[in-house]
């Protein structure tokens, strides 16, 4: 999912939940350093999407590189899923 400095883009990750859950999203760079994290609350069972705008926690566009987008679902009982990941390649 490329980004262009002239036309900022977003990365959309599609995933499936077996039941309603909050989804914790963590984005790390190739060295494993946390770049951004956020929670998507109340995602319903079935197909869902999260969007990353290519920015870090300070609101700056990230440097070129490969980024891992990790997803962990947490249900109403506090049970956590195994972390699932997608990758985004950012270049300008």
N, C-alpha and C. Protein backbone atom coordinates (compact mmCIF):
# COMPACT_ATOMS: atom_id res chain seq x y z
N UNK A 1 0.83 -1.18 0.00
CA UNK A 1 0.00 0.00 0.00
C UNK A 1 0.88 1.25 0.00
N UNK A 2 1.17 1.81 -1.13
CA UNK A 2 2.08 2.94 -1.19
C UNK A 2 1.43 4.25 -0.77
N UNK A 3 2.29 5.18 -0.35
CA UNK A 3 1.87 6.53 -0.02
C UNK A 3 2.59 7.47 -0.96
N UNK A 4 1.99 8.56 -1.30
CA UNK A 4 2.61 9.59 -2.12
C UNK A 4 2.57 10.89 -1.35
N UNK A 5 3.70 11.62 -1.32
CA UNK A 5 3.72 12.90 -0.61
C UNK A 5 2.74 13.88 -1.24
N UNK A 6 2.54 13.76 -2.56
CA UNK A 6 1.63 14.67 -3.25
C UNK A 6 0.16 14.30 -2.99
N UNK A 7 -0.10 13.03 -2.88
CA UNK A 7 -1.47 12.56 -2.66
C UNK A 7 -1.45 11.56 -1.51
N UNK A 8 -1.59 12.04 -0.27
CA UNK A 8 -1.58 11.11 0.87
C UNK A 8 -2.65 10.03 0.71
N UNK A 9 -2.27 8.83 1.05
CA UNK A 9 -3.18 7.70 0.95
C UNK A 9 -3.32 7.05 2.31
N UNK A 10 -4.22 6.10 2.37
CA UNK A 10 -4.44 5.36 3.60
C UNK A 10 -4.29 3.88 3.32
N UNK A 11 -3.90 3.15 4.34
CA UNK A 11 -3.87 1.70 4.26
C UNK A 11 -5.11 1.18 4.96
N UNK A 12 -5.83 0.31 4.30
CA UNK A 12 -7.03 -0.30 4.87
C UNK A 12 -6.75 -1.79 5.04
N UNK A 13 -6.93 -2.27 6.27
CA UNK A 13 -6.75 -3.68 6.58
C UNK A 13 -8.13 -4.28 6.85
N UNK A 14 -8.45 -5.35 6.14
CA UNK A 14 -9.73 -6.05 6.30
C UNK A 14 -9.49 -7.31 7.14
N UNK A 15 -10.39 -7.56 8.08
CA UNK A 15 -10.27 -8.73 8.94
C UNK A 15 -11.65 -9.22 9.34
N UNK A 16 -11.72 -10.42 9.86
CA UNK A 16 -12.97 -11.05 10.24
C UNK A 16 -12.97 -11.36 11.74
N UNK A 17 -14.05 -11.03 12.43
CA UNK A 17 -14.20 -11.35 13.85
C UNK A 17 -15.32 -12.37 14.02
N UNK A 18 -15.14 -13.30 14.95
CA UNK A 18 -16.19 -14.29 15.21
C UNK A 18 -17.24 -13.76 16.17
N UNK A 19 -16.89 -12.69 16.91
CA UNK A 19 -17.84 -12.05 17.82
C UNK A 19 -17.43 -10.59 18.01
N UNK A 20 -18.33 -9.79 18.58
CA UNK A 20 -18.06 -8.39 18.81
C UNK A 20 -16.83 -8.23 19.70
N UNK A 21 -15.96 -7.26 19.36
CA UNK A 21 -14.74 -7.06 20.14
C UNK A 21 -14.18 -5.67 19.88
N UNK A 22 -13.36 -5.23 20.81
CA UNK A 22 -12.52 -4.05 20.59
C UNK A 22 -11.25 -4.55 19.91
N UNK A 23 -10.71 -3.77 19.01
CA UNK A 23 -9.51 -4.19 18.28
C UNK A 23 -8.40 -3.18 18.57
N UNK A 24 -7.30 -3.70 19.12
CA UNK A 24 -6.13 -2.88 19.40
C UNK A 24 -5.22 -2.97 18.18
N UNK A 25 -4.85 -1.81 17.65
CA UNK A 25 -4.01 -1.73 16.46
C UNK A 25 -2.65 -1.17 16.88
N UNK A 26 -1.58 -1.88 16.53
CA UNK A 26 -0.23 -1.39 16.82
C UNK A 26 0.58 -1.43 15.53
N UNK A 27 1.26 -0.32 15.24
CA UNK A 27 2.03 -0.22 14.01
C UNK A 27 3.49 -0.06 14.40
N UNK A 28 4.33 -0.96 13.89
CA UNK A 28 5.76 -0.93 14.20
C UNK A 28 6.56 -0.84 12.91
N UNK A 29 7.78 -0.28 13.03
CA UNK A 29 8.65 -0.21 11.86
C UNK A 29 9.43 -1.51 11.72
N UNK A 30 10.34 -1.57 10.75
CA UNK A 30 11.10 -2.80 10.47
C UNK A 30 11.98 -3.22 11.65
N UNK A 31 12.32 -2.28 12.53
CA UNK A 31 13.14 -2.58 13.70
C UNK A 31 12.29 -2.98 14.90
N UNK A 32 10.96 -2.98 14.75
CA UNK A 32 10.07 -3.36 15.83
C UNK A 32 9.71 -2.22 16.76
N UNK A 33 10.08 -0.99 16.40
CA UNK A 33 9.77 0.18 17.23
C UNK A 33 8.32 0.59 16.99
N UNK A 34 7.57 0.79 18.09
CA UNK A 34 6.17 1.20 17.99
C UNK A 34 6.09 2.60 17.40
N UNK A 35 5.35 2.74 16.32
CA UNK A 35 5.19 4.01 15.61
C UNK A 35 3.85 4.65 15.95
N UNK A 36 2.81 3.84 16.07
CA UNK A 36 1.45 4.32 16.33
C UNK A 36 0.65 3.19 16.95
N UNK A 37 -0.30 3.54 17.80
CA UNK A 37 -1.24 2.55 18.33
C UNK A 37 -2.57 3.24 18.60
N UNK A 38 -3.63 2.48 18.44
CA UNK A 38 -4.96 3.01 18.72
C UNK A 38 -5.92 1.85 18.87
N UNK A 39 -7.12 2.14 19.40
CA UNK A 39 -8.15 1.11 19.58
C UNK A 39 -9.37 1.46 18.74
N UNK A 40 -9.89 0.45 18.10
CA UNK A 40 -11.16 0.56 17.38
C UNK A 40 -12.18 -0.18 18.24
N UNK A 41 -13.06 0.55 18.88
CA UNK A 41 -14.00 -0.03 19.84
C UNK A 41 -15.26 -0.56 19.16
N UNK A 42 -15.79 -1.64 19.74
CA UNK A 42 -17.10 -2.16 19.36
C UNK A 42 -17.23 -2.65 17.93
N UNK A 43 -16.21 -3.33 17.43
CA UNK A 43 -16.31 -3.90 16.08
C UNK A 43 -17.23 -5.13 16.15
N UNK A 44 -18.15 -5.23 15.20
CA UNK A 44 -19.13 -6.32 15.22
C UNK A 44 -18.54 -7.60 14.63
N UNK A 45 -19.23 -8.71 14.89
CA UNK A 45 -18.82 -9.98 14.30
C UNK A 45 -18.95 -9.88 12.79
N UNK A 46 -18.04 -10.54 12.09
CA UNK A 46 -18.06 -10.52 10.63
C UNK A 46 -16.88 -9.73 10.08
N UNK A 47 -17.02 -9.28 8.85
CA UNK A 47 -15.94 -8.57 8.16
C UNK A 47 -15.86 -7.13 8.65
N UNK A 48 -14.66 -6.69 8.97
CA UNK A 48 -14.41 -5.34 9.48
C UNK A 48 -13.19 -4.76 8.78
N UNK A 49 -12.97 -3.46 9.00
CA UNK A 49 -11.83 -2.76 8.40
C UNK A 49 -11.26 -1.79 9.42
N UNK A 50 -9.95 -1.60 9.36
CA UNK A 50 -9.31 -0.48 10.07
C UNK A 50 -8.50 0.29 9.04
N UNK A 51 -8.29 1.57 9.33
CA UNK A 51 -7.56 2.44 8.41
C UNK A 51 -6.39 3.07 9.13
N UNK A 52 -5.23 3.09 8.47
CA UNK A 52 -4.06 3.81 8.98
C UNK A 52 -3.70 4.89 7.98
N UNK A 53 -3.52 6.10 8.46
CA UNK A 53 -3.26 7.25 7.60
C UNK A 53 -1.78 7.47 7.28
N UNK A 54 -0.91 6.56 7.72
CA UNK A 54 0.52 6.69 7.43
C UNK A 54 1.24 7.64 8.34
N UNK A 55 0.60 8.00 9.46
CA UNK A 55 1.21 8.96 10.39
C UNK A 55 1.61 8.26 11.69
N UNK A 56 2.60 8.86 12.38
CA UNK A 56 3.04 8.35 13.67
C UNK A 56 2.21 8.99 14.79
N UNK A 57 2.59 8.72 16.03
CA UNK A 57 1.83 9.23 17.18
C UNK A 57 1.86 10.75 17.28
N UNK A 58 2.84 11.40 16.63
CA UNK A 58 2.94 12.86 16.66
C UNK A 58 2.22 13.52 15.48
N UNK A 59 1.60 12.69 14.62
CA UNK A 59 0.87 13.24 13.48
C UNK A 59 1.73 13.50 12.25
N UNK A 60 2.97 13.01 12.27
CA UNK A 60 3.87 13.17 11.13
C UNK A 60 3.80 11.95 10.23
N UNK A 61 3.91 12.17 8.91
CA UNK A 61 3.98 11.03 8.01
C UNK A 61 5.26 10.26 8.30
N UNK A 62 5.17 8.94 8.29
CA UNK A 62 6.32 8.10 8.60
C UNK A 62 7.32 8.12 7.44
N UNK A 63 8.54 7.70 7.73
CA UNK A 63 9.57 7.57 6.71
C UNK A 63 9.25 6.41 5.78
N UNK A 64 9.89 6.40 4.64
CA UNK A 64 9.75 5.26 3.73
C UNK A 64 10.19 3.99 4.45
N UNK A 65 9.56 2.88 4.12
CA UNK A 65 9.94 1.61 4.73
C UNK A 65 8.77 0.65 4.81
N UNK A 66 9.03 -0.46 5.48
CA UNK A 66 8.02 -1.50 5.68
C UNK A 66 7.51 -1.39 7.11
N UNK A 67 6.21 -1.42 7.27
CA UNK A 67 5.58 -1.30 8.58
C UNK A 67 4.64 -2.49 8.82
N UNK A 68 4.66 -2.98 10.05
CA UNK A 68 3.78 -4.09 10.45
C UNK A 68 2.59 -3.50 11.18
N UNK A 69 1.40 -3.88 10.73
CA UNK A 69 0.16 -3.44 11.37
C UNK A 69 -0.40 -4.64 12.12
N UNK A 70 -0.29 -4.61 13.45
CA UNK A 70 -0.74 -5.72 14.29
C UNK A 70 -2.14 -5.47 14.82
N UNK A 71 -2.96 -6.51 14.81
CA UNK A 71 -4.35 -6.43 15.30
C UNK A 71 -4.56 -7.47 16.39
N UNK A 72 -5.11 -7.03 17.51
CA UNK A 72 -5.48 -7.94 18.59
C UNK A 72 -6.91 -7.63 19.00
N UNK A 73 -7.78 -8.63 18.95
CA UNK A 73 -9.18 -8.46 19.34
C UNK A 73 -9.33 -8.79 20.83
N UNK A 74 -10.13 -7.98 21.53
CA UNK A 74 -10.41 -8.22 22.95
C UNK A 74 -11.92 -8.20 23.13
N UNK A 75 -12.48 -9.35 23.55
CA UNK A 75 -13.94 -9.43 23.69
C UNK A 75 -14.40 -8.84 25.02
N UNK A 76 -15.70 -8.87 25.25
CA UNK A 76 -16.29 -8.24 26.45
C UNK A 76 -15.85 -8.91 27.74
N UNK A 77 -15.38 -10.16 27.67
CA UNK A 77 -14.89 -10.87 28.86
C UNK A 77 -13.40 -10.62 29.09
N UNK A 78 -12.77 -9.86 28.19
CA UNK A 78 -11.35 -9.57 28.33
C UNK A 78 -10.43 -10.59 27.67
N UNK A 79 -11.04 -11.56 26.99
CA UNK A 79 -10.23 -12.58 26.29
C UNK A 79 -9.61 -11.95 25.05
N UNK A 80 -8.31 -12.22 24.84
CA UNK A 80 -7.60 -11.66 23.70
C UNK A 80 -7.32 -12.71 22.63
N UNK A 81 -7.42 -12.29 21.39
CA UNK A 81 -7.07 -13.16 20.28
C UNK A 81 -5.55 -13.19 20.12
N UNK A 82 -5.06 -14.11 19.32
CA UNK A 82 -3.67 -14.06 18.91
C UNK A 82 -3.50 -12.83 18.03
N UNK A 83 -2.35 -12.22 18.08
CA UNK A 83 -2.10 -11.03 17.25
C UNK A 83 -1.97 -11.47 15.79
N UNK A 84 -2.67 -10.76 14.93
CA UNK A 84 -2.59 -10.96 13.48
C UNK A 84 -1.91 -9.74 12.89
N UNK A 85 -1.19 -9.92 11.79
CA UNK A 85 -0.45 -8.80 11.22
C UNK A 85 -0.64 -8.68 9.72
N UNK A 86 -0.52 -7.46 9.26
CA UNK A 86 -0.47 -7.13 7.84
C UNK A 86 0.73 -6.22 7.67
N UNK A 87 1.22 -6.09 6.47
CA UNK A 87 2.37 -5.23 6.20
C UNK A 87 2.00 -4.14 5.21
N UNK A 88 2.58 -2.96 5.43
CA UNK A 88 2.39 -1.84 4.51
C UNK A 88 3.78 -1.35 4.10
N UNK A 89 3.95 -1.10 2.82
CA UNK A 89 5.20 -0.53 2.31
C UNK A 89 4.92 0.94 2.00
N UNK A 90 5.70 1.82 2.61
CA UNK A 90 5.53 3.25 2.43
C UNK A 90 6.69 3.78 1.59
N UNK A 91 6.36 4.48 0.54
CA UNK A 91 7.40 5.15 -0.25
C UNK A 91 6.82 6.43 -0.82
N UNK A 92 7.70 7.37 -1.10
CA UNK A 92 7.29 8.69 -1.59
C UNK A 92 7.91 8.96 -2.94
